[in-house]
Amino acid sequence: MMFSSKLALALASCMLVLTTSAAAAQKKITLGFSQIGAESEWRTANSESIKAAAKDAGIDLKFSDAQQKQENQIKAIRSFIAQRVDVIAFSPVVESGWETVLREAKAAKIPVILSDRAVDVKDTSLWVTFMGSDFVEEGRRAGNWLVGDLKQKGMNGPVNIVELQGTVGSAPAIDRKKGFEEVLAKYPNLKITRSQTGDFTRAKGKEVMEAFLKADKNINVLFAHNDDMAIGAIQAIEAAGLKPGKDIIIVSIDGVKGAFEAMMAGKLNCSVECSPLLGPQLMAAVKDLKAGKTLEKRIVTKEGVFPAESAAAAFPTRKY
């Protein structure tokens, strides 16, 4: 009788462990994600990729749109901490000013993933991994394509370049400029004569390009830190009675469908790819973290360069 009681107790204990384990396995992973906003085609595609991938992966996504304001992102991250999410991920609107809130996340033992953009903090243990493009390399690719195109056209004299920068203080704006200027430094005849932020938006790109054209009629090249600003600038160039892509060579970054359409119309000369489809990669990283796996500190996405002559062939396969 005593043996039977012990056996029953042991069986009951095993059933309790199994039930608890099953419940834990069934518990959904909760991811808090703070997005910059919806300032461009690229960003919209990025948000859609993250939402779709979370649904496919069975991850409970708490999504917050910061409307391009750092204070909104900091509030969102603090809200995620208060809600005790499993993982926090975000695309930082600017590089600096994150130390305090990231320390709060670390104190709460919630791992942080940087998506698309990096942060400038002394303590790199405040984030687990940074996944996304190499923005410096994108700038180099834009510069190298331009050098090759100018050589092909036989433009050996002075070349005046105007630059539409991204959001001031943001990682892509800083790094794309750096990479592009690295290439230009080897060619004294290539000079950036005017450079101003277009805030990554089509409207601002148009506005700034209008100002460039009024101030200086001698513009040979436009380098835009993203396609949306380039598309806005194209409108300004046409309004000024010039032919974009011919009178002014235009190279930009992102590789969105709008850029391919502009290239096929002969109005944009080259777009350097920066893929926004980070959702599946992000969800895989979140699951790996929860499974106790160690992630690479830097995960770089693979991307290419699309000159105008390749646009028509590549366009049907574009997903964003």
Protein backbone atom coordinates (compact mmCIF):
# COMPACT_ATOMS: atom_id res chain seq x y z
CA MET A 1 0.00 0.00 0.00
CA MET A 2 2.86 2.32 0.90
CA PHE A 3 4.59 1.47 -2.45
CA SER A 4 1.42 2.28 -4.39
CA SER A 5 1.10 5.65 -2.66
CA LYS A 6 4.71 6.51 -3.47
CA LEU A 7 4.26 5.44 -7.08
CA ALA A 8 1.11 7.52 -7.42
CA LEU A 9 2.91 10.53 -5.93
CA ALA A 10 5.85 10.06 -8.29
CA LEU A 11 3.55 9.77 -11.29
CA ALA A 12 1.66 12.90 -10.21
CA SER A 13 4.97 14.79 -9.88
CA CYS A 14 6.04 13.67 -13.37
CA MET A 15 2.70 14.77 -14.84
CA LEU A 16 3.07 18.18 -13.17
CA VAL A 17 6.60 18.63 -14.63
CA LEU A 18 5.40 17.58 -18.09
CA THR A 19 2.39 19.92 -17.92
CA THR A 20 4.57 22.83 -16.78
CA SER A 21 7.10 22.14 -19.54
CA ALA A 22 4.36 21.96 -22.16
CA ALA A 23 2.87 25.22 -20.94
CA ALA A 24 6.29 26.89 -21.11
CA ALA A 25 6.84 25.54 -24.62
CA GLN A 26 3.46 26.85 -25.73
CA LYS A 27 4.04 30.33 -24.25
CA LYS A 28 4.49 32.79 -27.09
CA ILE A 29 7.69 34.82 -27.31
CA THR A 30 6.91 38.52 -26.99
CA LEU A 31 8.98 40.97 -29.03
CA GLY A 32 8.79 44.72 -28.52
CA PHE A 33 9.82 46.57 -31.69
CA SER A 34 10.26 50.35 -32.01
CA GLN A 35 10.24 51.53 -35.62
CA ILE A 36 11.56 54.93 -36.71
CA GLY A 37 8.47 55.86 -38.68
CA ALA A 38 7.18 55.65 -42.26
CA GLU A 39 9.37 58.27 -43.93
CA SER A 40 10.08 56.29 -47.10
CA GLU A 41 9.13 53.34 -49.29
CA TRP A 42 12.05 51.48 -47.72
CA ARG A 43 10.81 52.00 -44.16
CA THR A 44 7.27 50.93 -45.04
CA ALA A 45 8.62 47.72 -46.61
CA ASN A 46 10.78 47.16 -43.52
CA SER A 47 7.77 47.45 -41.18
CA GLU A 48 5.68 45.11 -43.35
CA SER A 49 8.49 42.54 -43.39
CA ILE A 50 8.77 42.59 -39.60
CA LYS A 51 5.02 42.29 -39.02
CA ALA A 52 4.60 39.45 -41.53
CA ALA A 53 7.63 37.54 -40.23
CA ALA A 54 6.44 37.81 -36.61
CA LYS A 55 3.05 36.39 -37.60
CA ASP A 56 4.67 33.54 -39.54
CA ALA A 57 7.01 32.75 -36.63
CA GLY A 58 4.21 32.76 -34.05
CA ILE A 59 5.83 35.64 -32.16
CA ASP A 60 3.68 38.15 -30.29
CA LEU A 61 4.82 41.50 -31.73
CA LYS A 62 4.29 44.77 -29.90
CA PHE A 63 4.99 47.34 -32.64
CA SER A 64 5.53 51.05 -31.97
CA ASP A 65 5.93 53.82 -34.60
CA ALA A 66 8.16 56.64 -33.30
CA GLN A 67 7.29 59.10 -36.09
CA GLN A 68 11.00 59.92 -36.48
CA LYS A 69 11.36 61.17 -32.88
CA GLN A 70 13.95 59.73 -30.52
CA GLU A 71 11.90 60.63 -27.44
CA ASN A 72 9.06 58.45 -28.77
CA GLN A 73 11.45 55.52 -29.20
CA ILE A 74 12.78 55.89 -25.67
CA LYS A 75 9.19 55.93 -24.33
CA ALA A 76 8.38 52.81 -26.34
CA ILE A 77 11.44 50.95 -25.03
CA ARG A 78 10.55 51.88 -21.45
CA SER A 79 7.01 50.65 -22.09
CA PHE A 80 8.39 47.33 -23.38
CA ILE A 81 10.53 47.02 -20.23
CA ALA A 82 7.46 47.68 -18.04
CA GLN A 83 5.52 45.02 -19.97
CA ARG A 84 8.34 42.51 -19.43
CA VAL A 85 8.67 41.54 -23.08
CA ASP A 86 11.13 38.75 -23.88
CA VAL A 87 13.22 40.70 -26.40
CA ILE A 88 13.44 44.35 -27.48
CA ALA A 89 14.46 45.34 -31.01
CA PHE A 90 14.58 48.77 -32.58
CA SER A 91 15.85 50.83 -35.51
CA PRO A 92 17.39 53.89 -33.81
CA VAL A 93 16.44 57.21 -35.39
CA VAL A 94 19.85 58.64 -34.44
CA GLU A 95 23.07 57.08 -33.13
CA SER A 96 23.57 58.83 -29.79
CA GLY A 97 21.51 59.26 -26.61
CA TRP A 98 20.62 55.61 -25.88
CA GLU A 99 22.91 54.76 -22.96
CA THR A 100 20.39 55.35 -20.15
CA VAL A 101 17.42 53.46 -21.59
CA LEU A 102 19.61 50.55 -22.74
CA ARG A 103 21.02 50.25 -19.22
CA GLU A 104 17.42 50.02 -17.98
CA ALA A 105 16.75 47.15 -20.41
CA LYS A 106 19.94 45.37 -19.31
CA ALA A 107 19.00 45.79 -15.63
CA ALA A 108 15.64 44.19 -16.44
CA LYS A 109 17.54 41.33 -18.17
CA ILE A 110 15.82 41.95 -21.51
CA PRO A 111 18.16 41.45 -24.49
CA VAL A 112 18.23 44.18 -27.15
CA ILE A 113 18.69 43.70 -30.90
CA LEU A 114 19.62 46.62 -33.17
CA SER A 115 17.85 46.37 -36.50
CA ASP A 116 19.01 48.30 -39.59
CA ARG A 117 20.86 51.05 -37.67
CA ALA A 118 23.58 51.11 -35.03
CA VAL A 119 23.93 53.10 -31.81
CA ASP A 120 26.93 54.94 -30.39
CA VAL A 121 27.38 53.68 -26.81
CA LYS A 122 30.61 52.97 -24.91
CA ASP A 123 29.30 49.73 -23.42
CA THR A 124 28.58 47.37 -26.33
CA SER A 125 27.18 44.76 -23.92
CA LEU A 126 24.02 46.90 -23.83
CA TRP A 127 22.96 45.28 -27.11
CA VAL A 128 23.25 41.66 -28.25
CA THR A 129 23.56 41.99 -32.02
CA PHE A 130 23.29 44.54 -34.81
CA MET A 131 21.74 43.22 -38.00
CA GLY A 132 21.48 45.16 -41.22
CA SER A 133 23.44 46.71 -44.04
CA ASP A 134 27.00 48.02 -44.09
CA PHE A 135 26.21 51.70 -44.73
CA VAL A 136 29.85 52.69 -45.23
CA GLU A 137 30.16 50.04 -47.93
CA GLU A 138 26.97 51.35 -49.56
CA GLY A 139 28.55 54.80 -49.76
CA ARG A 140 31.70 53.27 -51.28
CA ARG A 141 29.63 51.36 -53.83
CA ALA A 142 27.85 54.55 -54.86
CA GLY A 143 31.21 56.33 -55.20
CA ASN A 144 32.84 53.49 -57.13
CA TRP A 145 29.91 53.24 -59.53
CA LEU A 146 30.10 57.01 -60.13
CA VAL A 147 33.85 56.92 -60.84
CA GLY A 148 33.35 54.11 -63.33
CA ASP A 149 30.45 55.90 -65.03
CA LEU A 150 32.38 59.18 -65.33
CA LYS A 151 35.37 57.36 -66.84
CA GLN A 152 33.08 55.65 -69.34
CA LYS A 153 31.63 59.04 -70.30
CA GLY A 154 35.11 60.55 -70.59
CA MET A 155 34.45 63.19 -67.93
CA ASN A 156 38.01 63.90 -66.80
CA GLY A 157 37.61 67.57 -65.85
CA PRO A 158 36.13 69.07 -62.67
CA VAL A 159 32.93 67.34 -61.55
CA ASN A 160 30.60 69.22 -59.18
CA ILE A 161 28.56 66.96 -56.91
CA VAL A 162 25.64 67.95 -54.69
CA GLU A 163 24.65 65.67 -51.83
CA LEU A 164 21.28 65.03 -50.20
CA GLN A 165 22.08 63.66 -46.76
CA GLY A 166 19.77 61.54 -44.62
CA THR A 167 18.52 62.48 -41.16
CA VAL A 168 21.18 64.40 -39.23
CA GLY A 169 22.92 62.15 -36.69
CA SER A 170 21.53 58.90 -38.13
CA ALA A 171 23.86 55.97 -38.82
CA PRO A 172 23.09 55.69 -42.56
CA ALA A 173 23.60 59.42 -43.12
CA ILE A 174 26.94 59.42 -41.29
CA ASP A 175 28.23 56.18 -42.80
CA ARG A 176 27.03 56.62 -46.40
CA LYS A 177 28.68 60.04 -46.50
CA LYS A 178 31.88 58.57 -45.05
CA GLY A 179 32.04 55.74 -47.59
CA PHE A 180 31.28 57.99 -50.56
CA GLU A 181 33.92 60.54 -49.50
CA GLU A 182 36.49 57.76 -49.04
CA VAL A 183 36.22 57.05 -52.77
CA LEU A 184 36.15 60.73 -53.78
CA ALA A 185 39.36 61.38 -51.83
CA LYS A 186 41.26 59.45 -54.51
CA TYR A 187 39.98 61.76 -57.29
CA PRO A 188 40.76 65.47 -56.77
CA ASN A 189 38.57 66.47 -59.74
CA LEU A 190 35.44 65.14 -57.96
CA LYS A 191 34.15 67.63 -55.40
CA ILE A 192 31.03 67.89 -53.25
CA THR A 193 30.06 71.53 -53.70
CA ARG A 194 26.85 71.49 -51.65
CA SER A 195 25.57 69.09 -49.00
CA GLN A 196 22.38 69.32 -46.96
CA THR A 197 19.95 67.01 -45.22
CA GLY A 198 16.80 65.97 -47.03
CA ASP A 199 15.72 63.97 -43.96
CA PHE A 200 15.24 60.82 -46.08
CA THR A 201 11.89 62.14 -47.41
CA ARG A 202 10.71 62.80 -50.95
CA ALA A 203 9.25 66.22 -50.10
CA LYS A 204 12.40 67.46 -48.38
CA GLY A 205 14.59 66.05 -51.17
CA LYS A 206 12.63 68.10 -53.69
CA GLU A 207 12.79 71.23 -51.54
CA VAL A 208 16.56 71.05 -50.97
CA MET A 209 17.28 70.24 -54.62
CA GLU A 210 15.27 73.30 -55.66
CA ALA A 211 17.48 75.41 -53.39
CA PHE A 212 20.65 73.79 -54.82
CA LEU A 213 19.56 74.57 -58.40
CA LYS A 214 18.72 78.20 -57.59
CA ALA A 215 22.09 78.72 -55.91
CA ASP A 216 24.23 76.87 -58.46
CA LYS A 217 23.59 76.10 -62.14
CA ASN A 218 26.82 74.13 -62.47
CA ILE A 219 25.77 70.75 -61.01
CA ASN A 220 27.04 67.58 -62.70
CA VAL A 221 26.08 64.89 -60.18
CA LEU A 222 23.57 64.30 -57.40
CA PHE A 223 24.35 61.77 -54.68
CA ALA A 224 21.26 61.06 -52.55
CA HIS A 225 21.47 59.00 -49.36
CA ASN A 226 18.19 57.29 -50.29
CA ASP A 227 15.92 56.77 -53.29
CA ASP A 228 13.01 58.79 -51.94
CA MET A 229 15.10 61.97 -51.75
CA ALA A 230 16.41 61.26 -55.25
CA ILE A 231 12.85 60.90 -56.58
CA GLY A 232 11.90 64.22 -54.97
CA ALA A 233 15.02 65.81 -56.45
CA ILE A 234 14.11 64.49 -59.91
CA GLN A 235 10.88 66.50 -59.72
CA ALA A 236 12.87 69.65 -58.87
CA ILE A 237 15.35 69.04 -61.71
CA GLU A 238 12.53 68.62 -64.22
CA ALA A 239 10.78 71.75 -62.93
CA ALA A 240 14.03 73.64 -63.57
CA GLY A 241 13.90 72.59 -67.23
CA LEU A 242 16.72 70.04 -66.97
CA LYS A 243 16.80 66.32 -67.75
CA PRO A 244 17.51 64.14 -64.69
CA GLY A 245 19.82 61.26 -65.51
CA LYS A 246 21.30 63.17 -68.45
CA ASP A 247 22.01 66.80 -67.51
CA ILE A 248 22.62 65.66 -63.93
CA ILE A 249 23.87 62.14 -63.16
CA ILE A 250 21.99 60.72 -60.17
CA VAL A 251 23.09 57.91 -57.87
CA SER A 252 21.12 56.95 -54.76
CA ILE A 253 20.77 54.17 -52.22
CA ASP A 254 18.02 51.67 -51.25
CA GLY A 255 16.85 49.88 -54.40
CA VAL A 256 13.10 50.44 -53.93
CA LYS A 257 10.62 49.89 -56.77
CA GLY A 258 10.23 53.65 -57.27
CA ALA A 259 13.94 53.88 -58.03
CA PHE A 260 13.71 51.06 -60.58
CA GLU A 261 10.81 52.85 -62.28
CA ALA A 262 12.87 56.06 -62.39
CA MET A 263 15.84 54.15 -63.85
CA MET A 264 13.65 52.53 -66.51
CA ALA A 265 12.38 56.02 -67.41
CA GLY A 266 15.99 57.21 -67.79
CA LYS A 267 15.75 59.65 -64.88
CA LEU A 268 17.98 57.85 -62.33
CA ASN A 269 21.36 56.37 -63.21
CA CYS A 270 22.07 53.95 -60.37
CA SER A 271 20.61 52.66 -57.11
CA VAL A 272 22.74 50.84 -54.54
CA GLU A 273 20.73 48.15 -52.79
CA CYS A 274 19.88 48.27 -49.08
CA SER A 275 17.40 45.51 -48.31
CA PRO A 276 14.56 46.31 -45.85
CA LEU A 277 13.40 42.68 -45.70
CA LEU A 278 14.93 42.02 -42.28
CA GLY A 279 11.84 40.43 -40.71
CA PRO A 280 12.67 36.72 -41.12
CA GLN A 281 16.28 37.31 -40.03
CA LEU A 282 15.10 39.23 -36.95
CA MET A 283 12.58 36.57 -35.89
CA ALA A 284 15.21 33.83 -36.30
CA ALA A 285 17.54 35.82 -34.02
CA VAL A 286 14.79 36.32 -31.43
CA LYS A 287 14.08 32.57 -31.35
CA ASP A 288 17.80 31.76 -31.12
CA LEU A 289 18.15 34.12 -28.16
CA LYS A 290 15.25 32.50 -26.32
CA ALA A 291 16.78 29.09 -27.04
CA GLY A 292 19.98 30.20 -25.31
CA LYS A 293 22.10 30.44 -28.45
CA THR A 294 24.90 33.00 -28.85
CA LEU A 295 24.41 35.44 -31.74
CA GLU A 296 27.10 37.04 -33.90
CA LYS A 297 27.68 40.63 -32.77
CA ARG A 298 27.32 41.86 -36.37
CA ILE A 299 25.02 40.29 -38.98
CA VAL A 300 25.44 41.88 -42.43
CA THR A 301 22.81 41.55 -45.16
CA LYS A 302 23.90 40.69 -48.71
CA GLU A 303 23.13 43.36 -51.32
CA GLY A 304 24.03 44.51 -54.83
CA VAL A 305 24.35 47.53 -57.12
CA PHE A 306 21.82 48.26 -59.87
CA PRO A 307 22.85 50.57 -62.72
CA ALA A 308 19.99 51.85 -64.93
CA GLU A 309 20.77 49.38 -67.72
CA SER A 310 19.99 46.45 -65.40
CA ALA A 311 16.73 47.90 -64.01
CA ALA A 312 14.24 46.45 -66.51
CA ALA A 313 15.56 42.89 -66.12
CA ALA A 314 15.67 43.10 -62.30
CA PHE A 315 12.37 44.95 -61.74
CA PRO A 316 9.98 41.94 -61.92
CA THR A 317 11.84 40.22 -59.08
CA ARG A 318 11.83 43.21 -56.70
CA LYS A 319 9.83 42.60 -53.51
CA TYR A 320 9.81 46.20 -52.22
